[in-house]
Amino acid sequence: MGFKQKLQKILKERLTVEEIKLLPRGFQTLDKIMIIKLHPKLLNKKEIIAETCLEQLPYIKSVYLNQGKIKGQFREPENIRFLAGIEDPNVEHKEHGIIYRFNIEKIMFSKGNLFERKYLVSLVKKGETIVDMFAGIGYFSLSIGKHSQVSTIYSIELNPVSYEYLVQNIKINHLEEKIIPIHGNCKEEVMKLSKSGIQADRVIMGVFPAPKDYIKEALSLTKATGTYIHYEGVVDKDNDLVLYNEFLKIAEDIEYKIRLDSKRLIKSYGPGLYHIVYDIFVKKRINN
């Protein structure tokens, strides 16, 4: 019996027939926290539903309601509300041998990107130098540091809250010798790295919306032998090269050659829209 069917059976005496049909099909768990979304017509019964969830899943310590979207420059959860159990939004989510520590009311974490976090590790070669722009709490940096023979990862994050968790996560995963956290704006910090002589084998640009305004800075890290840039965003499924073509124009205008090695549709982002990642090889054009 599925989650929704169990709730329907238990709550059939406490909810109307219409409300029973509107119960959620599933939920997200982070550590011992359950996060649910409810139809607006169920909000007046949210506490009853949350308490029932706790009764049915003893390993869950608290239930939170997600009523909003991800907003603002720092991609923060808009409206996460405590409903039942122990009120503590701090989690230590374990995934792929990594511990991610964060506060669910302040930090966005997408479990749907698990494949991409694992896949990116498989691309990293021994001894690589990586620059992780928009590093967040270490979504990509931690996994690469843990599961590859990377030399150094420069992890840049502007949001002070995310940066604080990034530093903590580097420490609790014992990756201090591989990951260098940098607090600041990528436009400035990437250029500081470039001017100091840092050249990257791989640059990660993992942020929404697609960071078009940071492409030139990312290109400044290109090695003479070439660099891989992982660039992502949201596209229409029938026009999935639109962001790559945007990248191509900017790169060619400043004398870079680029090659699209692969592209991946990660997950649905809405009707007809998909989260996409491009693996792009870039190299400075040599004029004869």
C-alpha atoms as a PDB file:
ATOM      1  CA  MET A   1       0.000   0.000   0.000  1.00  0.00           C
ATOM      2  CA  GLY A   2       1.406   3.392  -1.021  1.00  0.00           C
ATOM      3  CA  PHE A   3       1.865   6.444   1.184  1.00  0.00           C
ATOM      4  CA  LYS A   4      -1.267   8.195  -0.100  1.00  0.00           C
ATOM      5  CA  GLN A   5      -3.405   5.078   0.299  1.00  0.00           C
ATOM      6  CA  LYS A   6      -2.258   4.673   3.911  1.00  0.00           C
ATOM      7  CA  LEU A   7      -3.135   8.267   4.715  1.00  0.00           C
ATOM      8  CA  GLN A   8      -6.495   7.913   3.019  1.00  0.00           C
ATOM      9  CA  LYS A   9      -7.343   4.832   5.053  1.00  0.00           C
ATOM     10  CA  ILE A  10      -6.374   6.394   8.381  1.00  0.00           C
ATOM     11  CA  LEU A  11      -7.870   9.838   7.764  1.00  0.00           C
ATOM     12  CA  LYS A  12     -11.124   8.835   6.055  1.00  0.00           C
ATOM     13  CA  GLU A  13     -13.134   9.653   9.195  1.00  0.00           C
ATOM     14  CA  ARG A  14     -11.454  13.050   9.738  1.00  0.00           C
ATOM     15  CA  LEU A  15     -11.336  14.464   6.214  1.00  0.00           C
ATOM     16  CA  THR A  16     -14.025  15.032   3.614  1.00  0.00           C
ATOM     17  CA  VAL A  17     -14.189  12.888   0.487  1.00  0.00           C
ATOM     18  CA  GLU A  18     -12.735  15.761  -1.558  1.00  0.00           C
ATOM     19  CA  GLU A  19      -9.900  16.289   0.948  1.00  0.00           C
ATOM     20  CA  ILE A  20      -9.052  12.586   0.942  1.00  0.00           C
ATOM     21  CA  LYS A  21      -8.528  12.726  -2.825  1.00  0.00           C
ATOM     22  CA  LEU A  22      -6.174  15.718  -2.462  1.00  0.00           C
ATOM     23  CA  LEU A  23      -3.738  14.061  -0.035  1.00  0.00           C
ATOM     24  CA  PRO A  24      -0.098  14.083  -1.274  1.00  0.00           C
ATOM     25  CA  ARG A  25       1.277  11.058  -3.113  1.00  0.00           C
ATOM     26  CA  GLY A  26       4.686  11.296  -1.475  1.00  0.00           C
ATOM     27  CA  PHE A  27       7.170  13.396   0.433  1.00  0.00           C
ATOM     28  CA  GLN A  28      10.831  14.304   0.703  1.00  0.00           C
ATOM     29  CA  THR A  29      13.038  13.191   3.584  1.00  0.00           C
ATOM     30  CA  LEU A  30      16.267  14.844   4.680  1.00  0.00           C
ATOM     31  CA  ASP A  31      17.925  13.114   7.614  1.00  0.00           C
ATOM     32  CA  LYS A  32      14.970  12.496   9.984  1.00  0.00           C
ATOM     33  CA  ILE A  33      12.817  15.319   8.650  1.00  0.00           C
ATOM     34  CA  MET A  34       9.827  14.863   6.350  1.00  0.00           C
ATOM     35  CA  ILE A  35       8.936  17.717   4.008  1.00  0.00           C
ATOM     36  CA  ILE A  36       5.461  17.651   2.474  1.00  0.00           C
ATOM     37  CA  LYS A  37       3.519  19.786   0.031  1.00  0.00           C
ATOM     38  CA  LEU A  38      -0.225  20.190   0.461  1.00  0.00           C
ATOM     39  CA  HIS A  39      -3.036  21.347  -1.787  1.00  0.00           C
ATOM     40  CA  PRO A  40      -4.373  24.738  -0.581  1.00  0.00           C
ATOM     41  CA  LYS A  41      -7.697  23.093   0.343  1.00  0.00           C
ATOM     42  CA  LEU A  42      -5.826  20.900   2.861  1.00  0.00           C
ATOM     43  CA  LEU A  43      -4.011  23.664   4.734  1.00  0.00           C
ATOM     44  CA  ASN A  44      -6.666  23.846   7.439  1.00  0.00           C
ATOM     45  CA  LYS A  45      -5.986  20.151   8.153  1.00  0.00           C
ATOM     46  CA  LYS A  46      -2.181  20.375   7.962  1.00  0.00           C
ATOM     47  CA  GLU A  47      -1.542  19.542  11.631  1.00  0.00           C
ATOM     48  CA  ILE A  48      -3.786  16.462  11.518  1.00  0.00           C
ATOM     49  CA  ILE A  49      -2.023  15.216   8.391  1.00  0.00           C
ATOM     50  CA  ALA A  50       1.427  15.891   9.869  1.00  0.00           C
ATOM     51  CA  GLU A  51       0.673  14.057  13.103  1.00  0.00           C
ATOM     52  CA  THR A  52      -0.614  11.079  11.107  1.00  0.00           C
ATOM     53  CA  CYS A  53       2.623  11.022   9.109  1.00  0.00           C
ATOM     54  CA  LEU A  54       4.635  10.895  12.332  1.00  0.00           C
ATOM     55  CA  GLU A  55       2.528   8.032  13.661  1.00  0.00           C
ATOM     56  CA  GLN A  56       3.046   6.004  10.486  1.00  0.00           C
ATOM     57  CA  LEU A  57       6.804   6.588  10.152  1.00  0.00           C
ATOM     58  CA  PRO A  58       8.546   6.176  13.528  1.00  0.00           C
ATOM     59  CA  TYR A  59      11.982   7.057  12.104  1.00  0.00           C
ATOM     60  CA  ILE A  60      10.753  10.579  11.253  1.00  0.00           C
ATOM     61  CA  LYS A  61      11.324  13.109  14.057  1.00  0.00           C
ATOM     62  CA  SER A  62       9.544  16.113  12.528  1.00  0.00           C
ATOM     63  CA  VAL A  63       7.311  17.204   9.669  1.00  0.00           C
ATOM     64  CA  TYR A  64       7.668  20.474   7.749  1.00  0.00           C
ATOM     65  CA  LEU A  65       5.428  22.030   5.127  1.00  0.00           C
ATOM     66  CA  ASN A  66       6.877  23.435   1.900  1.00  0.00           C
ATOM     67  CA  GLN A  67       4.544  26.193   0.718  1.00  0.00           C
ATOM     68  CA  GLY A  68       6.857  28.165  -1.493  1.00  0.00           C
ATOM     69  CA  LYS A  69       9.448  28.128  -4.238  1.00  0.00           C
ATOM     70  CA  ILE A  70      13.155  28.849  -4.379  1.00  0.00           C
ATOM     71  CA  LYS A  71      13.710  32.596  -4.502  1.00  0.00           C
ATOM     72  CA  GLY A  72      16.262  35.361  -4.704  1.00  0.00           C
ATOM     73  CA  GLN A  73      19.934  35.682  -5.553  1.00  0.00           C
ATOM     74  CA  PHE A  74      20.875  33.044  -3.004  1.00  0.00           C
ATOM     75  CA  ARG A  75      18.285  30.460  -4.121  1.00  0.00           C
ATOM     76  CA  GLU A  76      16.720  30.211  -0.663  1.00  0.00           C
ATOM     77  CA  PRO A  77      13.549  28.284   0.247  1.00  0.00           C
ATOM     78  CA  GLU A  78      10.670  30.738   0.308  1.00  0.00           C
ATOM     79  CA  ASN A  79       8.345  29.246   2.918  1.00  0.00           C
ATOM     80  CA  ILE A  80       9.230  26.136   4.955  1.00  0.00           C
ATOM     81  CA  ARG A  81       7.003  25.816   8.043  1.00  0.00           C
ATOM     82  CA  PHE A  82       7.230  23.475  11.030  1.00  0.00           C
ATOM     83  CA  LEU A  83       4.119  21.331  11.563  1.00  0.00           C
ATOM     84  CA  ALA A  84       4.712  18.497  14.018  1.00  0.00           C
ATOM     85  CA  GLY A  85       7.285  16.594  16.044  1.00  0.00           C
ATOM     86  CA  ILE A  86      10.577  18.142  17.170  1.00  0.00           C
ATOM     87  CA  GLU A  87      11.153  21.657  15.870  1.00  0.00           C
ATOM     88  CA  ASP A  88      14.729  21.530  14.620  1.00  0.00           C
ATOM     89  CA  PRO A  89      15.418  22.407  10.949  1.00  0.00           C
ATOM     90  CA  ASN A  90      19.087  21.395  11.087  1.00  0.00           C
ATOM     91  CA  VAL A  91      19.974  18.190   9.266  1.00  0.00           C
ATOM     92  CA  GLU A  92      22.955  16.027   8.400  1.00  0.00           C
ATOM     93  CA  HIS A  93      21.879  14.451   5.136  1.00  0.00           C
ATOM     94  CA  LYS A  94      23.984  11.445   4.069  1.00  0.00           C
ATOM     95  CA  GLU A  95      24.395  10.753   0.370  1.00  0.00           C
ATOM     96  CA  HIS A  96      27.011   8.913  -1.695  1.00  0.00           C
ATOM     97  CA  GLY A  97      29.283   8.633   1.353  1.00  0.00           C
ATOM     98  CA  ILE A  98      29.079  12.385   2.031  1.00  0.00           C
ATOM     99  CA  ILE A  99      27.545  14.257   4.979  1.00  0.00           C
ATOM    100  CA  TYR A 100      25.787  17.501   4.039  1.00  0.00           C
ATOM    101  CA  ARG A 101      25.015  19.661   7.075  1.00  0.00           C
ATOM    102  CA  PHE A 102      22.527  22.520   6.595  1.00  0.00           C
ATOM    103  CA  ASN A 103      19.303  24.189   7.735  1.00  0.00           C
ATOM    104  CA  ILE A 104      16.283  23.275   5.586  1.00  0.00           C
ATOM    105  CA  GLU A 105      14.644  26.662   6.246  1.00  0.00           C
ATOM    106  CA  LYS A 106      17.648  28.512   4.822  1.00  0.00           C
ATOM    107  CA  ILE A 107      19.278  26.174   2.301  1.00  0.00           C
ATOM    108  CA  MET A 108      17.876  24.567  -0.852  1.00  0.00           C
ATOM    109  CA  PHE A 109      18.881  20.915  -1.379  1.00  0.00           C
ATOM    110  CA  SER A 110      17.681  18.905  -4.372  1.00  0.00           C
ATOM    111  CA  LYS A 111      17.836  15.144  -3.912  1.00  0.00           C
ATOM    112  CA  GLY A 112      16.789  14.880  -7.550  1.00  0.00           C
ATOM    113  CA  ASN A 113      20.314  15.905  -8.596  1.00  0.00           C
ATOM    114  CA  LEU A 114      21.920  12.810  -7.039  1.00  0.00           C
ATOM    115  CA  PHE A 115      22.797  11.249 -10.407  1.00  0.00           C
ATOM    116  CA  GLU A 116      24.552  14.407 -11.596  1.00  0.00           C
ATOM    117  CA  ARG A 117      26.571  14.689  -8.376  1.00  0.00           C
ATOM    118  CA  LYS A 118      27.728  11.084  -8.833  1.00  0.00           C
ATOM    119  CA  TYR A 119      28.253  11.345 -12.583  1.00  0.00           C
ATOM    120  CA  LEU A 120      30.450  14.418 -12.379  1.00  0.00           C
ATOM    121  CA  VAL A 121      32.818  12.551 -10.080  1.00  0.00           C
ATOM    122  CA  SER A 122      33.283   9.873 -12.749  1.00  0.00           C
ATOM    123  CA  LEU A 123      34.588  12.487 -15.207  1.00  0.00           C
ATOM    124  CA  VAL A 124      37.337  13.821 -12.945  1.00  0.00           C
ATOM    125  CA  LYS A 125      40.872  12.629 -13.704  1.00  0.00           C
ATOM    126  CA  LYS A 126      43.721  12.186 -11.242  1.00  0.00           C
ATOM    127  CA  GLY A 127      45.520  15.410 -10.348  1.00  0.00           C
ATOM    128  CA  GLU A 128      42.910  17.808 -11.738  1.00  0.00           C
ATOM    129  CA  THR A 129      42.527  21.376 -10.522  1.00  0.00           C
ATOM    130  CA  ILE A 130      38.852  22.354 -10.313  1.00  0.00           C
ATOM    131  CA  VAL A 131      37.084  25.652  -9.740  1.00  0.00           C
ATOM    132  CA  ASP A 132      33.554  25.222  -8.395  1.00  0.00           C
ATOM    133  CA  MET A 133      31.715  28.487  -8.991  1.00  0.00           C
ATOM    134  CA  PHE A 134      28.508  28.936  -6.954  1.00  0.00           C
ATOM    135  CA  ALA A 135      29.612  26.060  -4.698  1.00  0.00           C
ATOM    136  CA  GLY A 136      26.775  26.380  -2.184  1.00  0.00           C
ATOM    137  CA  ILE A 137      27.244  24.063   0.787  1.00  0.00           C
ATOM    138  CA  GLY A 138      29.500  21.838  -1.308  1.00  0.00           C
ATOM    139  CA  TYR A 139      26.979  20.041  -3.526  1.00  0.00           C
ATOM    140  CA  PHE A 140      29.628  19.060  -6.091  1.00  0.00           C
ATOM    141  CA  SER A 141      32.885  19.887  -4.318  1.00  0.00           C
ATOM    142  CA  LEU A 142      32.389  17.441  -1.456  1.00  0.00           C
ATOM    143  CA  SER A 143      31.567  14.455  -3.638  1.00  0.00           C
ATOM    144  CA  ILE A 144      34.467  15.136  -6.019  1.00  0.00           C
ATOM    145  CA  GLY A 145      36.849  15.651  -3.119  1.00  0.00           C
ATOM    146  CA  LYS A 146      35.758  12.424  -1.470  1.00  0.00           C
ATOM    147  CA  HIS A 147      35.528  10.092  -4.446  1.00  0.00           C
ATOM    148  CA  SER A 148      38.193  11.236  -6.912  1.00  0.00           C
ATOM    149  CA  GLN A 149      41.944  11.807  -6.926  1.00  0.00           C
ATOM    150  CA  VAL A 150      41.533  15.506  -7.605  1.00  0.00           C
ATOM    151  CA  SER A 151      44.450  17.755  -6.672  1.00  0.00           C
ATOM    152  CA  THR A 152      42.692  20.943  -5.547  1.00  0.00           C
ATOM    153  CA  ILE A 153      39.150  22.307  -5.633  1.00  0.00           C
ATOM    154  CA  TYR A 154      38.586  26.052  -5.264  1.00  0.00           C
ATOM    155  CA  SER A 155      35.002  26.354  -4.003  1.00  0.00           C
ATOM    156  CA  ILE A 156      33.525  29.837  -4.308  1.00  0.00           C
ATOM    157  CA  GLU A 157      30.307  30.884  -2.555  1.00  0.00           C
ATOM    158  CA  LEU A 158      28.794  34.340  -2.000  1.00  0.00           C
ATOM    159  CA  ASN A 159      25.904  33.528   0.362  1.00  0.00           C
ATOM    160  CA  PRO A 160      27.339  33.857   3.908  1.00  0.00           C
ATOM    161  CA  VAL A 161      25.002  31.183   5.306  1.00  0.00           C
ATOM    162  CA  SER A 162      25.867  28.678   2.580  1.00  0.00           C
ATOM    163  CA  TYR A 163      29.548  29.516   2.935  1.00  0.00           C
ATOM    164  CA  GLU A 164      29.432  28.801   6.673  1.00  0.00           C
ATOM    165  CA  TYR A 165      27.960  25.352   5.976  1.00  0.00           C
ATOM    166  CA  LEU A 166      30.476  24.782   3.169  1.00  0.00           C
ATOM    167  CA  VAL A 167      33.324  25.308   5.629  1.00  0.00           C
ATOM    168  CA  GLN A 168      31.661  23.000   8.171  1.00  0.00           C
ATOM    169  CA  ASN A 169      31.020  20.310   5.556  1.00  0.00           C
ATOM    170  CA  ILE A 170      34.616  20.364   4.345  1.00  0.00           C
ATOM    171  CA  LYS A 171      35.713  19.773   7.930  1.00  0.00           C
ATOM    172  CA  ILE A 172      33.231  17.042   8.888  1.00  0.00           C
ATOM    173  CA  ASN A 173      34.065  15.146   5.678  1.00  0.00           C
ATOM    174  CA  HIS A 174      37.818  15.557   6.328  1.00  0.00           C
ATOM    175  CA  LEU A 175      38.519  17.261   3.005  1.00  0.00           C
ATOM    176  CA  GLU A 176      40.573  20.232   4.230  1.00  0.00           C
ATOM    177  CA  GLU A 177      43.590  19.151   2.169  1.00  0.00           C
ATOM    178  CA  LYS A 178      41.639  19.053  -1.093  1.00  0.00           C
ATOM    179  CA  ILE A 179      39.038  21.836  -0.928  1.00  0.00           C
ATOM    180  CA  ILE A 180      39.821  25.537  -0.491  1.00  0.00           C
ATOM    181  CA  PRO A 181      36.649  27.507   0.386  1.00  0.00           C
ATOM    182  CA  ILE A 182      36.461  31.093  -0.900  1.00  0.00           C
ATOM    183  CA  HIS A 183      33.828  33.571   0.293  1.00  0.00           C
ATOM    184  CA  GLY A 184      32.975  36.128  -2.351  1.00  0.00           C
ATOM    185  CA  ASN A 185      31.462  36.977  -5.713  1.00  0.00           C
ATOM    186  CA  CYS A 186      32.534  34.673  -8.536  1.00  0.00           C
ATOM    187  CA  LYS A 187      33.146  37.561 -10.911  1.00  0.00           C
ATOM    188  CA  GLU A 188      35.817  38.916  -8.608  1.00  0.00           C
ATOM    189  CA  GLU A 189      37.152  35.715  -7.069  1.00  0.00           C
ATOM    190  CA  VAL A 190      37.559  33.836 -10.373  1.00  0.00           C
ATOM    191  CA  MET A 191      39.550  36.727 -11.813  1.00  0.00           C
ATOM    192  CA  LYS A 192      41.755  36.774  -8.699  1.00  0.00           C
ATOM    193  CA  LEU A 193      42.476  33.080  -9.233  1.00  0.00           C
ATOM    194  CA  SER A 194      43.149  33.625 -12.937  1.00  0.00           C
ATOM    195  CA  LYS A 195      45.502  36.570 -12.321  1.00  0.00           C
ATOM    196  CA  SER A 196      47.358  34.557  -9.679  1.00  0.00           C
ATOM    197  CA  GLY A 197      48.137  31.928 -12.314  1.00  0.00           C
ATOM    198  CA  ILE A 198      45.470  29.339 -11.468  1.00  0.00           C
ATOM    199  CA  GLN A 199      44.348  27.387 -14.515  1.00  0.00           C
ATOM    200  CA  ALA A 200      41.590  24.824 -14.175  1.00  0.00           C
ATOM    201  CA  ASP A 201      41.160  21.423 -15.749  1.00  0.00           C
ATOM    202  CA  ARG A 202      37.458  21.733 -14.977  1.00  0.00           C
ATOM    203  CA  VAL A 203      35.091  24.582 -14.066  1.00  0.00           C
ATOM    204  CA  ILE A 204      31.673  23.891 -12.555  1.00  0.00           C
ATOM    205  CA  MET A 205      28.936  26.487 -13.139  1.00  0.00           C
ATOM    206  CA  GLY A 206      26.089  24.814 -11.265  1.00  0.00           C
ATOM    207  CA  VAL A 207      23.503  27.490 -10.567  1.00  0.00           C
ATOM    208  CA  PHE A 208      20.075  28.655 -11.795  1.00  0.00           C
ATOM    209  CA  PRO A 209      19.306  30.574 -13.861  1.00  0.00           C
ATOM    210  CA  ALA A 210      22.094  29.796 -16.336  1.00  0.00           C
ATOM    211  CA  PRO A 211      24.994  32.100 -15.319  1.00  0.00           C
ATOM    212  CA  LYS A 212      25.471  33.818 -18.678  1.00  0.00           C
ATOM    213  CA  ASP A 213      27.082  36.882 -17.104  1.00  0.00           C
ATOM    214  CA  TYR A 214      29.899  34.748 -15.654  1.00  0.00           C
ATOM    215  CA  ILE A 215      30.976  32.917 -18.817  1.00  0.00           C
ATOM    216  CA  LYS A 216      33.868  35.275 -19.624  1.00  0.00           C
ATOM    217  CA  GLU A 217      35.268  34.908 -16.112  1.00  0.00           C
ATOM    218  CA  ALA A 218      35.033  31.115 -16.320  1.00  0.00           C
ATOM    219  CA  LEU A 219      36.861  31.151 -19.661  1.00  0.00           C
ATOM    220  CA  SER A 220      39.730  33.114 -18.092  1.00  0.00           C
ATOM    221  CA  LEU A 221      40.691  29.917 -16.208  1.00  0.00           C
ATOM    222  CA  THR A 222      41.237  27.933 -19.425  1.00  0.00           C
ATOM    223  CA  LYS A 223      44.485  25.951 -19.699  1.00  0.00           C
ATOM    224  CA  ALA A 224      46.589  26.007 -22.842  1.00  0.00           C
ATOM    225  CA  THR A 225      45.649  22.361 -23.390  1.00  0.00           C
ATOM    226  CA  GLY A 226      41.967  23.087 -22.814  1.00  0.00           C
ATOM    227  CA  THR A 227      39.438  23.025 -19.984  1.00  0.00           C
ATOM    228  CA  TYR A 228      36.061  21.406 -19.390  1.00  0.00           C
ATOM    229  CA  ILE A 229      33.237  23.664 -18.280  1.00  0.00           C
ATOM    230  CA  HIS A 230      30.017  22.239 -16.861  1.00  0.00           C
ATOM    231  CA  TYR A 231      27.249  24.716 -17.641  1.00  0.00           C
ATOM    232  CA  GLU A 232      23.612  24.284 -16.714  1.00  0.00           C
ATOM    233  CA  GLY A 233      20.212  25.885 -16.774  1.00  0.00           C
ATOM    234  CA  VAL A 234      16.573  25.356 -17.768  1.00  0.00           C
ATOM    235  CA  VAL A 235      15.499  24.788 -21.383  1.00  0.00           C
ATOM    236  CA  ASP A 236      12.489  23.884 -23.458  1.00  0.00           C
ATOM    237  CA  LYS A 237      12.821  20.213 -24.360  1.00  0.00           C
ATOM    238  CA  ASP A 238      12.333  21.032 -28.051  1.00  0.00           C
ATOM    239  CA  ASN A 239      15.043  23.708 -27.955  1.00  0.00           C
ATOM    240  CA  ASP A 240      17.640  22.137 -25.697  1.00  0.00           C
ATOM    241  CA  LEU A 241      20.679  23.771 -27.338  1.00  0.00           C
ATOM    242  CA  VAL A 242      19.587  27.339 -26.687  1.00  0.00           C
ATOM    243  CA  LEU A 243      21.884  27.851 -23.692  1.00  0.00           C
ATOM    244  CA  TYR A 244      24.803  26.135 -25.404  1.00  0.00           C
ATOM    245  CA  ASN A 245      24.432  28.418 -28.427  1.00  0.00           C
ATOM    246  CA  GLU A 246      24.419  31.387 -26.054  1.00  0.00           C
ATOM    247  CA  PHE A 247      27.657  30.108 -24.504  1.00  0.00           C
ATOM    248  CA  LEU A 248      29.146  29.477 -27.962  1.00  0.00           C
ATOM    249  CA  LYS A 249      28.568  33.054 -29.132  1.00  0.00           C
ATOM    250  CA  ILE A 250      30.163  34.585 -26.044  1.00  0.00           C
ATOM    251  CA  ALA A 251      33.180  32.270 -26.268  1.00  0.00           C
ATOM    252  CA  GLU A 252      33.762  32.783 -29.980  1.00  0.00           C
ATOM    253  CA  ASP A 253      33.495  36.562 -29.625  1.00  0.00           C
ATOM    254  CA  ILE A 254      36.540  36.510 -27.320  1.00  0.00           C
ATOM    255  CA  GLU A 255      38.543  34.037 -29.412  1.00  0.00           C
ATOM    256  CA  TYR A 256      37.787  30.704 -27.749  1.00  0.00           C
ATOM    257  CA  LYS A 257      37.040  27.462 -29.546  1.00  0.00           C
ATOM    258  CA  ILE A 258      34.467  25.259 -27.892  1.00  0.00           C
ATOM    259  CA  ARG A 259      33.108  21.764 -28.373  1.00  0.00           C
ATOM    260  CA  LEU A 260      29.982  20.226 -26.883  1.00  0.00           C
ATOM    261  CA  ASP A 261      31.019  16.817 -25.558  1.00  0.00           C
ATOM    262  CA  SER A 262      27.655  15.858 -24.060  1.00  0.00           C
ATOM    263  CA  LYS A 263      24.384  17.147 -22.656  1.00  0.00           C
ATOM    264  CA  ARG A 264      22.077  15.662 -20.040  1.00  0.00           C
ATOM    265  CA  LEU A 265      18.447  16.349 -19.199  1.00  0.00           C
ATOM    266  CA  ILE A 266      18.506  15.981 -15.412  1.00  0.00           C
ATOM    267  CA  LYS A 267      14.838  16.345 -14.457  1.00  0.00           C
ATOM    268  CA  SER A 268      11.591  18.071 -15.322  1.00  0.00           C
ATOM    269  CA  TYR A 269      11.398  21.695 -14.234  1.00  0.00           C
ATOM    270  CA  GLY A 270       7.814  22.355 -15.259  1.00  0.00           C
ATOM    271  CA  PRO A 271       5.546  21.770 -18.259  1.00  0.00           C
ATOM    272  CA  GLY A 272       7.873  21.263 -21.228  1.00  0.00           C
ATOM    273  CA  LEU A 273      10.886  22.552 -19.270  1.00  0.00           C
ATOM    274  CA  TYR A 274      13.966  20.595 -18.219  1.00  0.00           C
ATOM    275  CA  HIS A 275      17.060  21.092 -16.107  1.00  0.00           C
ATOM    276  CA  ILE A 276      19.987  20.528 -18.497  1.00  0.00           C
ATOM    277  CA  VAL A 277      23.755  20.194 -18.070  1.00  0.00           C
ATOM    278  CA  TYR A 278      26.267  20.706 -20.890  1.00  0.00           C
ATOM    279  CA  ASP A 279      29.833  19.345 -20.771  1.00  0.00           C
ATOM    280  CA  ILE A 280      31.755  21.879 -22.856  1.00  0.00           C
ATOM    281  CA  PHE A 281      35.438  21.650 -23.832  1.00  0.00           C
ATOM    282  CA  VAL A 282      37.032  25.073 -24.317  1.00  0.00           C
ATOM    283  CA  LYS A 283      40.397  26.150 -25.666  1.00  0.00           C
ATOM    284  CA  LYS A 284      41.926  29.502 -26.487  1.00  0.00           C
ATOM    285  CA  ARG A 285      42.012  30.116 -30.246  1.00  0.00           C
ATOM    286  CA  ILE A 286      45.542  30.588 -31.610  1.00  0.00           C
ATOM    287  CA  ASN A 287      45.709  33.060 -34.475  1.00  0.00           C
ATOM    288  CA  ASN A 288      48.268  32.217 -37.148  1.00  0.00           C
END
